[in-house]
Amino acid sequence: MILNNTDLAQRLADAAGEAIRPLFRGDWQAEEKEDFSAVTEADRAAEAAMRQILEAERPEHGIIGEEYGAVREGASYTWVLDPIDGTQSFVAGRPIFGTLIALLKDGWPVLGIIDQPILKERWVGVLGEGTTFNGRPASTRRCRALEGASVATTSPHGFAEGEVDAYLRVIAKAYPNKPWPVYGGDCYNYGLLASGHIDVVIESGLKLHDYAALVPVVEGAGGMMSDWQGNPLDADSAEKEGGRVIALGEPARLEDVLEAMGGA
């Protein structure tokens, strides 16, 4: 059943990209949402294009989208859509945002896509089938110690006060001589981790549409994702754990990261 939906997921990404590309660094309208984040014409056009395909081809499946809400939430199979993850980067003309597409089976992510439509880079992860980057197998890199690891987060401003301290303790362990972590990137960082360019990503406050697609991509490439307690991520992680996530290219480093964080 999952594999039967992989081609469909790729067509969703194609449709989103066709809606986004003409507006990138162009003329578009933007609004501020209740959480003070921006939403643009491109966000809405991309999600509308994907939902139209799903309603026509998978009318029995649920859909949860960042811009247009949820339908058929009780369905066994549910698509989770984030048309532009990293809208601030889109607004700034930086091609490090991405379209996120996930398929959940009974609340667990089993298929995920990270698509960067400007650079035309696409990571596809499928449970039990591994991860590909532009059609070729992708693999995380081995990381023998937290010291020297490459650590990324979109912005330290996304952490609450206690969370900042936990994050900075990881940075102190990873960069003992000169702290120089990777900032910015949103979902693009997780693609880079899946391809072996980054070792650790730490974030907080993510919603289901922010992380659902990332799990199959990262884990299919040999990495792992968890909350800040080391638990696997599912549809309830945003509510239960505040959307606090860790992505690791080398699963063996989980205990090192959790120890450095101090049980946050």
C-alpha atoms as a PDB file:
ATOM      1  CA  MET A   1       0.000   0.000   0.000  1.00  0.00           C
ATOM      2  CA  ILE A   2       2.832   2.434   0.849  1.00  0.00           C
ATOM      3  CA  LEU A   3       4.670   1.856  -2.401  1.00  0.00           C
ATOM      4  CA  ASN A   4       1.437   2.366  -4.325  1.00  0.00           C
ATOM      5  CA  ASN A   5       1.413   5.904  -2.936  1.00  0.00           C
ATOM      6  CA  THR A   6       5.033   6.833  -3.637  1.00  0.00           C
ATOM      7  CA  ASP A   7       4.430   7.860  -7.256  1.00  0.00           C
ATOM      8  CA  LEU A   8       1.399   9.839  -6.122  1.00  0.00           C
ATOM      9  CA  ALA A   9       3.486  11.626  -3.487  1.00  0.00           C
ATOM     10  CA  GLN A  10       6.032  12.571  -6.137  1.00  0.00           C
ATOM     11  CA  ARG A  11       3.277  13.969  -8.337  1.00  0.00           C
ATOM     12  CA  LEU A  12       2.089  16.037  -5.392  1.00  0.00           C
ATOM     13  CA  ALA A  13       5.596  17.456  -5.059  1.00  0.00           C
ATOM     14  CA  ASP A  14       5.681  18.183  -8.799  1.00  0.00           C
ATOM     15  CA  ALA A  15       2.377  20.043  -8.577  1.00  0.00           C
ATOM     16  CA  ALA A  16       3.529  22.075  -5.577  1.00  0.00           C
ATOM     17  CA  GLY A  17       6.745  22.994  -7.334  1.00  0.00           C
ATOM     18  CA  GLU A  18       4.881  24.171 -10.414  1.00  0.00           C
ATOM     19  CA  ALA A  19       2.840  26.493  -8.199  1.00  0.00           C
ATOM     20  CA  ILE A  20       5.851  27.815  -6.266  1.00  0.00           C
ATOM     21  CA  ARG A  21       8.513  28.404  -8.919  1.00  0.00           C
ATOM     22  CA  PRO A  22       6.775  31.227 -10.846  1.00  0.00           C
ATOM     23  CA  LEU A  23       6.382  33.191  -7.596  1.00  0.00           C
ATOM     24  CA  PHE A  24       9.889  32.744  -6.181  1.00  0.00           C
ATOM     25  CA  ARG A  25      11.647  36.129  -6.042  1.00  0.00           C
ATOM     26  CA  GLY A  26       8.628  37.530  -7.855  1.00  0.00           C
ATOM     27  CA  ASP A  27       5.486  39.474  -7.075  1.00  0.00           C
ATOM     28  CA  TRP A  28       3.138  37.901  -4.551  1.00  0.00           C
ATOM     29  CA  GLN A  29       0.925  38.797  -1.627  1.00  0.00           C
ATOM     30  CA  ALA A  30       1.672  37.808   1.958  1.00  0.00           C
ATOM     31  CA  GLU A  31      -0.294  37.870   5.201  1.00  0.00           C
ATOM     32  CA  GLU A  32       0.549  37.384   8.872  1.00  0.00           C
ATOM     33  CA  LYS A  33      -1.127  34.460  10.621  1.00  0.00           C
ATOM     34  CA  GLU A  34      -2.281  34.362  14.228  1.00  0.00           C
ATOM     35  CA  ASP A  35       1.077  32.928  15.326  1.00  0.00           C
ATOM     36  CA  PHE A  36       2.793  35.880  13.551  1.00  0.00           C
ATOM     37  CA  SER A  37       4.310  33.646  10.870  1.00  0.00           C
ATOM     38  CA  ALA A  38       3.943  34.627   7.236  1.00  0.00           C
ATOM     39  CA  VAL A  39       1.783  32.927   4.630  1.00  0.00           C
ATOM     40  CA  THR A  40       2.105  33.743   0.937  1.00  0.00           C
ATOM     41  CA  GLU A  41       0.226  33.127  -2.281  1.00  0.00           C
ATOM     42  CA  ALA A  42       2.749  30.395  -3.002  1.00  0.00           C
ATOM     43  CA  ASP A  43       1.942  28.521   0.235  1.00  0.00           C
ATOM     44  CA  ARG A  44      -1.757  28.514  -0.556  1.00  0.00           C
ATOM     45  CA  ALA A  45      -1.432  27.749  -4.261  1.00  0.00           C
ATOM     46  CA  ALA A  46       0.910  24.814  -3.611  1.00  0.00           C
ATOM     47  CA  GLU A  47      -1.292  23.251  -0.952  1.00  0.00           C
ATOM     48  CA  ALA A  48      -4.442  23.750  -3.048  1.00  0.00           C
ATOM     49  CA  ALA A  49      -2.776  21.993  -5.990  1.00  0.00           C
ATOM     50  CA  MET A  50      -1.820  19.006  -3.835  1.00  0.00           C
ATOM     51  CA  ARG A  51      -5.214  18.742  -2.163  1.00  0.00           C
ATOM     52  CA  GLN A  52      -6.983  18.783  -5.515  1.00  0.00           C
ATOM     53  CA  ILE A  53      -5.012  15.723  -6.623  1.00  0.00           C
ATOM     54  CA  LEU A  54      -5.605  13.877  -3.361  1.00  0.00           C
ATOM     55  CA  GLU A  55      -9.343  14.535  -3.354  1.00  0.00           C
ATOM     56  CA  ALA A  56      -9.544  13.139  -6.883  1.00  0.00           C
ATOM     57  CA  GLU A  57      -7.316  10.090  -6.397  1.00  0.00           C
ATOM     58  CA  ARG A  58      -7.495   9.218  -2.673  1.00  0.00           C
ATOM     59  CA  PRO A  59     -10.899  10.472  -1.520  1.00  0.00           C
ATOM     60  CA  GLU A  60     -10.923   7.957   1.351  1.00  0.00           C
ATOM     61  CA  HIS A  61      -7.665   9.267   2.827  1.00  0.00           C
ATOM     62  CA  GLY A  62      -7.402  12.007   5.437  1.00  0.00           C
ATOM     63  CA  ILE A  63      -5.573  15.256   4.755  1.00  0.00           C
ATOM     64  CA  ILE A  64      -3.904  17.580   7.258  1.00  0.00           C
ATOM     65  CA  GLY A  65      -2.477  20.731   5.701  1.00  0.00           C
ATOM     66  CA  GLU A  66      -0.819  23.765   7.220  1.00  0.00           C
ATOM     67  CA  GLU A  67      -2.927  26.255   5.277  1.00  0.00           C
ATOM     68  CA  TYR A  68      -6.329  24.589   4.779  1.00  0.00           C
ATOM     69  CA  GLY A  69      -6.778  22.428   7.856  1.00  0.00           C
ATOM     70  CA  ALA A  70      -7.903  18.816   8.202  1.00  0.00           C
ATOM     71  CA  VAL A  71     -10.459  16.530   6.593  1.00  0.00           C
ATOM     72  CA  ARG A  72     -11.267  12.899   7.440  1.00  0.00           C
ATOM     73  CA  GLU A  73      -8.911  12.964  10.443  1.00  0.00           C
ATOM     74  CA  GLY A  74     -10.002   9.494  11.557  1.00  0.00           C
ATOM     75  CA  ALA A  75      -8.834   7.816   8.350  1.00  0.00           C
ATOM     76  CA  SER A  76      -6.242   5.063   8.662  1.00  0.00           C
ATOM     77  CA  TYR A  77      -4.126   6.729   5.975  1.00  0.00           C
ATOM     78  CA  THR A  78      -3.608  10.476   6.316  1.00  0.00           C
ATOM     79  CA  TRP A  79      -1.554  12.853   4.174  1.00  0.00           C
ATOM     80  CA  VAL A  80       0.242  15.664   5.958  1.00  0.00           C
ATOM     81  CA  LEU A  81       1.165  18.660   3.792  1.00  0.00           C
ATOM     82  CA  ASP A  82       3.413  21.651   4.408  1.00  0.00           C
ATOM     83  CA  PRO A  83       3.547  23.498   1.072  1.00  0.00           C
ATOM     84  CA  ILE A  84       6.447  25.749   2.072  1.00  0.00           C
ATOM     85  CA  ASP A  85       8.402  24.807   5.165  1.00  0.00           C
ATOM     86  CA  GLY A  86      10.638  27.812   5.692  1.00  0.00           C
ATOM     87  CA  THR A  87       8.404  30.607   4.421  1.00  0.00           C
ATOM     88  CA  GLN A  88      10.859  33.175   5.814  1.00  0.00           C
ATOM     89  CA  SER A  89      13.525  31.795   3.487  1.00  0.00           C
ATOM     90  CA  PHE A  90      11.078  31.901   0.571  1.00  0.00           C
ATOM     91  CA  VAL A  91      10.234  35.518   1.387  1.00  0.00           C
ATOM     92  CA  ALA A  92      13.944  36.376   1.580  1.00  0.00           C
ATOM     93  CA  GLY A  93      14.648  34.708  -1.768  1.00  0.00           C
ATOM     94  CA  ARG A  94      16.776  31.946  -0.235  1.00  0.00           C
ATOM     95  CA  PRO A  95      16.284  28.520  -1.909  1.00  0.00           C
ATOM     96  CA  ILE A  96      16.584  26.512   1.309  1.00  0.00           C
ATOM     97  CA  PHE A  97      12.867  26.110   2.022  1.00  0.00           C
ATOM     98  CA  GLY A  98      11.009  22.966   1.010  1.00  0.00           C
ATOM     99  CA  THR A  99       7.689  21.291   0.368  1.00  0.00           C
ATOM    100  CA  LEU A 100       6.978  18.539   2.901  1.00  0.00           C
ATOM    101  CA  ILE A 101       4.669  15.639   2.088  1.00  0.00           C
ATOM    102  CA  ALA A 102       4.036  12.774   4.498  1.00  0.00           C
ATOM    103  CA  LEU A 103       1.758   9.760   4.605  1.00  0.00           C
ATOM    104  CA  LEU A 104       0.759   8.485   8.038  1.00  0.00           C
ATOM    105  CA  LYS A 105      -0.522   4.978   8.731  1.00  0.00           C
ATOM    106  CA  ASP A 106      -2.515   4.966  11.974  1.00  0.00           C
ATOM    107  CA  GLY A 107      -0.569   8.004  13.177  1.00  0.00           C
ATOM    108  CA  TRP A 108       2.934   6.822  12.233  1.00  0.00           C
ATOM    109  CA  PRO A 109       4.924   8.381   9.356  1.00  0.00           C
ATOM    110  CA  VAL A 110       5.594   5.751   6.683  1.00  0.00           C
ATOM    111  CA  LEU A 111       6.399   7.900   3.635  1.00  0.00           C
ATOM    112  CA  GLY A 112       8.019  11.311   3.419  1.00  0.00           C
ATOM    113  CA  ILE A 113       9.244  13.769   0.826  1.00  0.00           C
ATOM    114  CA  ILE A 114      11.422  16.857   1.225  1.00  0.00           C
ATOM    115  CA  ASP A 115      11.312  18.761  -2.072  1.00  0.00           C
ATOM    116  CA  GLN A 116      13.314  21.907  -2.844  1.00  0.00           C
ATOM    117  CA  PRO A 117      11.592  23.090  -6.027  1.00  0.00           C
ATOM    118  CA  ILE A 118      14.053  25.816  -7.026  1.00  0.00           C
ATOM    119  CA  LEU A 119      17.200  23.703  -6.832  1.00  0.00           C
ATOM    120  CA  LYS A 120      15.162  20.684  -7.945  1.00  0.00           C
ATOM    121  CA  GLU A 121      16.427  18.542  -5.100  1.00  0.00           C
ATOM    122  CA  ARG A 122      14.175  15.837  -3.706  1.00  0.00           C
ATOM    123  CA  TRP A 123      14.564  13.381  -0.859  1.00  0.00           C
ATOM    124  CA  VAL A 124      12.076  10.492  -0.745  1.00  0.00           C
ATOM    125  CA  GLY A 125      11.880   8.154   2.240  1.00  0.00           C
ATOM    126  CA  VAL A 126       9.660   5.052   2.381  1.00  0.00           C
ATOM    127  CA  LEU A 127       9.334   2.709   5.350  1.00  0.00           C
ATOM    128  CA  GLY A 128      11.348  -0.433   4.649  1.00  0.00           C
ATOM    129  CA  GLU A 129      12.637   0.861   1.314  1.00  0.00           C
ATOM    130  CA  GLY A 130      15.326   3.393   2.252  1.00  0.00           C
ATOM    131  CA  THR A 131      15.771   6.991   1.145  1.00  0.00           C
ATOM    132  CA  THR A 132      16.726   8.415  -2.217  1.00  0.00           C
ATOM    133  CA  PHE A 133      18.060  11.816  -3.226  1.00  0.00           C
ATOM    134  CA  ASN A 134      17.078  12.675  -6.794  1.00  0.00           C
ATOM    135  CA  GLY A 135      16.562   8.974  -7.466  1.00  0.00           C
ATOM    136  CA  ARG A 136      19.841   7.723  -5.990  1.00  0.00           C
ATOM    137  CA  PRO A 137      20.294   6.054  -2.571  1.00  0.00           C
ATOM    138  CA  ALA A 138      21.003   8.526   0.224  1.00  0.00           C
ATOM    139  CA  SER A 139      22.914   7.710   3.377  1.00  0.00           C
ATOM    140  CA  THR A 140      23.811   9.537   6.555  1.00  0.00           C
ATOM    141  CA  ARG A 141      27.435   9.634   7.624  1.00  0.00           C
ATOM    142  CA  ARG A 142      28.963   7.951  10.625  1.00  0.00           C
ATOM    143  CA  CYS A 143      29.781  10.174  13.576  1.00  0.00           C
ATOM    144  CA  ARG A 144      32.068   8.629  16.202  1.00  0.00           C
ATOM    145  CA  ALA A 145      31.667  11.308  18.873  1.00  0.00           C
ATOM    146  CA  LEU A 146      29.581  14.361  19.652  1.00  0.00           C
ATOM    147  CA  GLU A 147      32.751  16.439  19.757  1.00  0.00           C
ATOM    148  CA  GLY A 148      33.400  17.567  16.210  1.00  0.00           C
ATOM    149  CA  ALA A 149      29.849  16.858  15.032  1.00  0.00           C
ATOM    150  CA  SER A 150      28.079  19.327  12.771  1.00  0.00           C
ATOM    151  CA  VAL A 151      24.962  20.573  14.603  1.00  0.00           C
ATOM    152  CA  ALA A 152      22.152  22.576  12.981  1.00  0.00           C
ATOM    153  CA  THR A 153      19.007  24.389  14.021  1.00  0.00           C
ATOM    154  CA  THR A 154      16.820  26.836  12.150  1.00  0.00           C
ATOM    155  CA  SER A 155      17.114  29.524  14.824  1.00  0.00           C
ATOM    156  CA  PRO A 156      17.973  29.603  18.544  1.00  0.00           C
ATOM    157  CA  HIS A 157      15.122  32.107  18.853  1.00  0.00           C
ATOM    158  CA  GLY A 158      12.777  29.149  18.370  1.00  0.00           C
ATOM    159  CA  PHE A 159      13.687  27.771  21.806  1.00  0.00           C
ATOM    160  CA  ALA A 160      12.179  28.687  25.152  1.00  0.00           C
ATOM    161  CA  GLU A 161      14.617  29.816  27.858  1.00  0.00           C
ATOM    162  CA  GLY A 162      15.253  26.385  29.367  1.00  0.00           C
ATOM    163  CA  GLU A 163      15.461  24.842  25.922  1.00  0.00           C
ATOM    164  CA  VAL A 164      18.144  27.329  24.863  1.00  0.00           C
ATOM    165  CA  ASP A 165      20.322  26.171  27.752  1.00  0.00           C
ATOM    166  CA  ALA A 166      19.921  22.516  26.749  1.00  0.00           C
ATOM    167  CA  TYR A 167      20.758  23.337  23.137  1.00  0.00           C
ATOM    168  CA  LEU A 168      23.819  25.382  24.098  1.00  0.00           C
ATOM    169  CA  ARG A 169      25.131  22.512  26.213  1.00  0.00           C
ATOM    170  CA  VAL A 170      25.101  20.332  23.088  1.00  0.00           C
ATOM    171  CA  ILE A 171      26.900  23.077  21.159  1.00  0.00           C
ATOM    172  CA  ALA A 172      29.548  23.313  23.883  1.00  0.00           C
ATOM    173  CA  LYS A 173      30.188  19.556  23.579  1.00  0.00           C
ATOM    174  CA  ALA A 174      30.198  19.529  19.786  1.00  0.00           C
ATOM    175  CA  TYR A 175      32.317  22.662  19.362  1.00  0.00           C
ATOM    176  CA  PRO A 176      34.731  22.801  22.337  1.00  0.00           C
ATOM    177  CA  ASN A 177      37.108  25.270  20.697  1.00  0.00           C
ATOM    178  CA  LYS A 178      34.985  27.582  18.543  1.00  0.00           C
ATOM    179  CA  PRO A 179      31.174  27.372  18.524  1.00  0.00           C
ATOM    180  CA  TRP A 180      30.124  27.505  14.900  1.00  0.00           C
ATOM    181  CA  PRO A 181      26.846  25.608  14.436  1.00  0.00           C
ATOM    182  CA  VAL A 182      24.699  25.710  11.305  1.00  0.00           C
ATOM    183  CA  TYR A 183      21.804  28.188  11.468  1.00  0.00           C
ATOM    184  CA  GLY A 184      18.875  28.530   9.063  1.00  0.00           C
ATOM    185  CA  GLY A 185      17.592  25.839   6.772  1.00  0.00           C
ATOM    186  CA  ASP A 186      14.308  24.540   8.199  1.00  0.00           C
ATOM    187  CA  CYS A 187      13.527  21.191   6.533  1.00  0.00           C
ATOM    188  CA  TYR A 188      16.535  21.519   4.208  1.00  0.00           C
ATOM    189  CA  ASN A 189      18.830  20.671   7.124  1.00  0.00           C
ATOM    190  CA  TYR A 190      17.188  17.259   7.465  1.00  0.00           C
ATOM    191  CA  GLY A 191      17.777  16.538   3.788  1.00  0.00           C
ATOM    192  CA  LEU A 192      21.418  17.482   4.232  1.00  0.00           C
ATOM    193  CA  LEU A 193      21.601  15.179   7.249  1.00  0.00           C
ATOM    194  CA  ALA A 194      20.089  12.330   5.208  1.00  0.00           C
ATOM    195  CA  SER A 195      22.767  12.895   2.558  1.00  0.00           C
ATOM    196  CA  GLY A 196      25.630  12.891   5.061  1.00  0.00           C
ATOM    197  CA  HIS A 197      26.496  16.597   5.298  1.00  0.00           C
ATOM    198  CA  ILE A 198      25.162  17.376   8.808  1.00  0.00           C
ATOM    199  CA  ASP A 199      25.273  15.154  11.894  1.00  0.00           C
ATOM    200  CA  VAL A 200      22.644  16.519  14.299  1.00  0.00           C
ATOM    201  CA  VAL A 201      19.570  18.757  14.029  1.00  0.00           C
ATOM    202  CA  ILE A 202      17.828  20.004  17.182  1.00  0.00           C
ATOM    203  CA  GLU A 203      14.577  21.982  17.156  1.00  0.00           C
ATOM    204  CA  SER A 204      11.530  22.800  19.248  1.00  0.00           C
ATOM    205  CA  GLY A 205       7.986  23.960  18.656  1.00  0.00           C
ATOM    206  CA  LEU A 206       7.478  21.922  15.489  1.00  0.00           C
ATOM    207  CA  LYS A 207       3.982  20.945  14.457  1.00  0.00           C
ATOM    208  CA  LEU A 208       2.976  17.675  12.801  1.00  0.00           C
ATOM    209  CA  HIS A 209       3.245  19.170   9.319  1.00  0.00           C
ATOM    210  CA  ASP A 210       6.810  20.311  10.165  1.00  0.00           C
ATOM    211  CA  TYR A 211       8.215  16.903  11.133  1.00  0.00           C
ATOM    212  CA  ALA A 212       6.033  14.079   9.745  1.00  0.00           C
ATOM    213  CA  ALA A 213       7.778  13.942   6.362  1.00  0.00           C
ATOM    214  CA  LEU A 214      11.235  14.181   7.912  1.00  0.00           C
ATOM    215  CA  VAL A 215      11.043  10.917   9.846  1.00  0.00           C
ATOM    216  CA  PRO A 216      10.949   8.466   6.891  1.00  0.00           C
ATOM    217  CA  VAL A 217      13.603  10.494   5.041  1.00  0.00           C
ATOM    218  CA  VAL A 218      16.075  10.582   7.937  1.00  0.00           C
ATOM    219  CA  GLU A 219      15.470   7.035   9.164  1.00  0.00           C
ATOM    220  CA  GLY A 220      15.449   5.554   5.671  1.00  0.00           C
ATOM    221  CA  ALA A 221      18.924   7.020   5.167  1.00  0.00           C
ATOM    222  CA  GLY A 222      20.256   5.282   8.291  1.00  0.00           C
ATOM    223  CA  GLY A 223      19.628   8.019  10.844  1.00  0.00           C
ATOM    224  CA  MET A 224      17.012   8.401  13.547  1.00  0.00           C
ATOM    225  CA  MET A 225      14.572  10.960  14.872  1.00  0.00           C
ATOM    226  CA  SER A 226      13.161  11.291  18.364  1.00  0.00           C
ATOM    227  CA  ASP A 227      11.767  13.789  20.819  1.00  0.00           C
ATOM    228  CA  TRP A 228      14.019  15.279  23.510  1.00  0.00           C
ATOM    229  CA  GLN A 229      13.345  12.251  25.712  1.00  0.00           C
ATOM    230  CA  GLY A 230      14.517   9.807  23.056  1.00  0.00           C
ATOM    231  CA  ASN A 231      11.020   8.611  22.121  1.00  0.00           C
ATOM    232  CA  PRO A 232      10.022   8.003  18.477  1.00  0.00           C
ATOM    233  CA  LEU A 233       7.913  10.657  16.769  1.00  0.00           C
ATOM    234  CA  ASP A 234       4.270  10.088  15.884  1.00  0.00           C
ATOM    235  CA  ALA A 235       1.177  12.191  15.210  1.00  0.00           C
ATOM    236  CA  ASP A 236       0.882  13.146  18.891  1.00  0.00           C
ATOM    237  CA  SER A 237       4.475  14.256  19.510  1.00  0.00           C
ATOM    238  CA  ALA A 238       3.753  17.923  18.848  1.00  0.00           C
ATOM    239  CA  GLU A 239       1.100  18.009  21.539  1.00  0.00           C
ATOM    240  CA  LYS A 240       2.773  15.676  24.046  1.00  0.00           C
ATOM    241  CA  GLU A 241       6.353  16.933  23.779  1.00  0.00           C
ATOM    242  CA  GLY A 242       5.966  20.446  22.390  1.00  0.00           C
ATOM    243  CA  GLY A 243       7.339  19.492  18.995  1.00  0.00           C
ATOM    244  CA  ARG A 244      10.861  19.123  20.393  1.00  0.00           C
ATOM    245  CA  VAL A 245      12.813  16.956  17.968  1.00  0.00           C
ATOM    246  CA  ILE A 246      16.293  15.564  17.498  1.00  0.00           C
ATOM    247  CA  ALA A 247      17.577  14.183  14.197  1.00  0.00           C
ATOM    248  CA  LEU A 248      20.778  12.152  14.151  1.00  0.00           C
ATOM    249  CA  GLY A 249      22.783  10.817  11.259  1.00  0.00           C
ATOM    250  CA  GLU A 250      24.413   8.342  13.635  1.00  0.00           C
ATOM    251  CA  PRO A 251      21.825   6.777  15.999  1.00  0.00           C
ATOM    252  CA  ALA A 252      24.585   5.793  18.422  1.00  0.00           C
ATOM    253  CA  ARG A 253      25.019   9.470  19.324  1.00  0.00           C
ATOM    254  CA  LEU A 254      21.526   9.754  20.854  1.00  0.00           C
ATOM    255  CA  GLU A 255      22.683   9.063  24.406  1.00  0.00           C
ATOM    256  CA  ASP A 256      25.517  11.595  24.026  1.00  0.00           C
ATOM    257  CA  VAL A 257      23.099  14.294  22.897  1.00  0.00           C
ATOM    258  CA  LEU A 258      20.551  13.503  25.619  1.00  0.00           C
ATOM    259  CA  GLU A 259      23.266  13.512  28.264  1.00  0.00           C
ATOM    260  CA  ALA A 260      24.573  16.865  27.053  1.00  0.00           C
ATOM    261  CA  MET A 261      21.051  18.288  27.086  1.00  0.00           C
ATOM    262  CA  GLY A 262      20.711  17.271  30.714  1.00  0.00           C
ATOM    263  CA  GLY A 263      17.282  15.681  30.548  1.00  0.00           C
ATOM    264  CA  ALA A 264      15.516  18.763  29.181  1.00  0.00           C
END
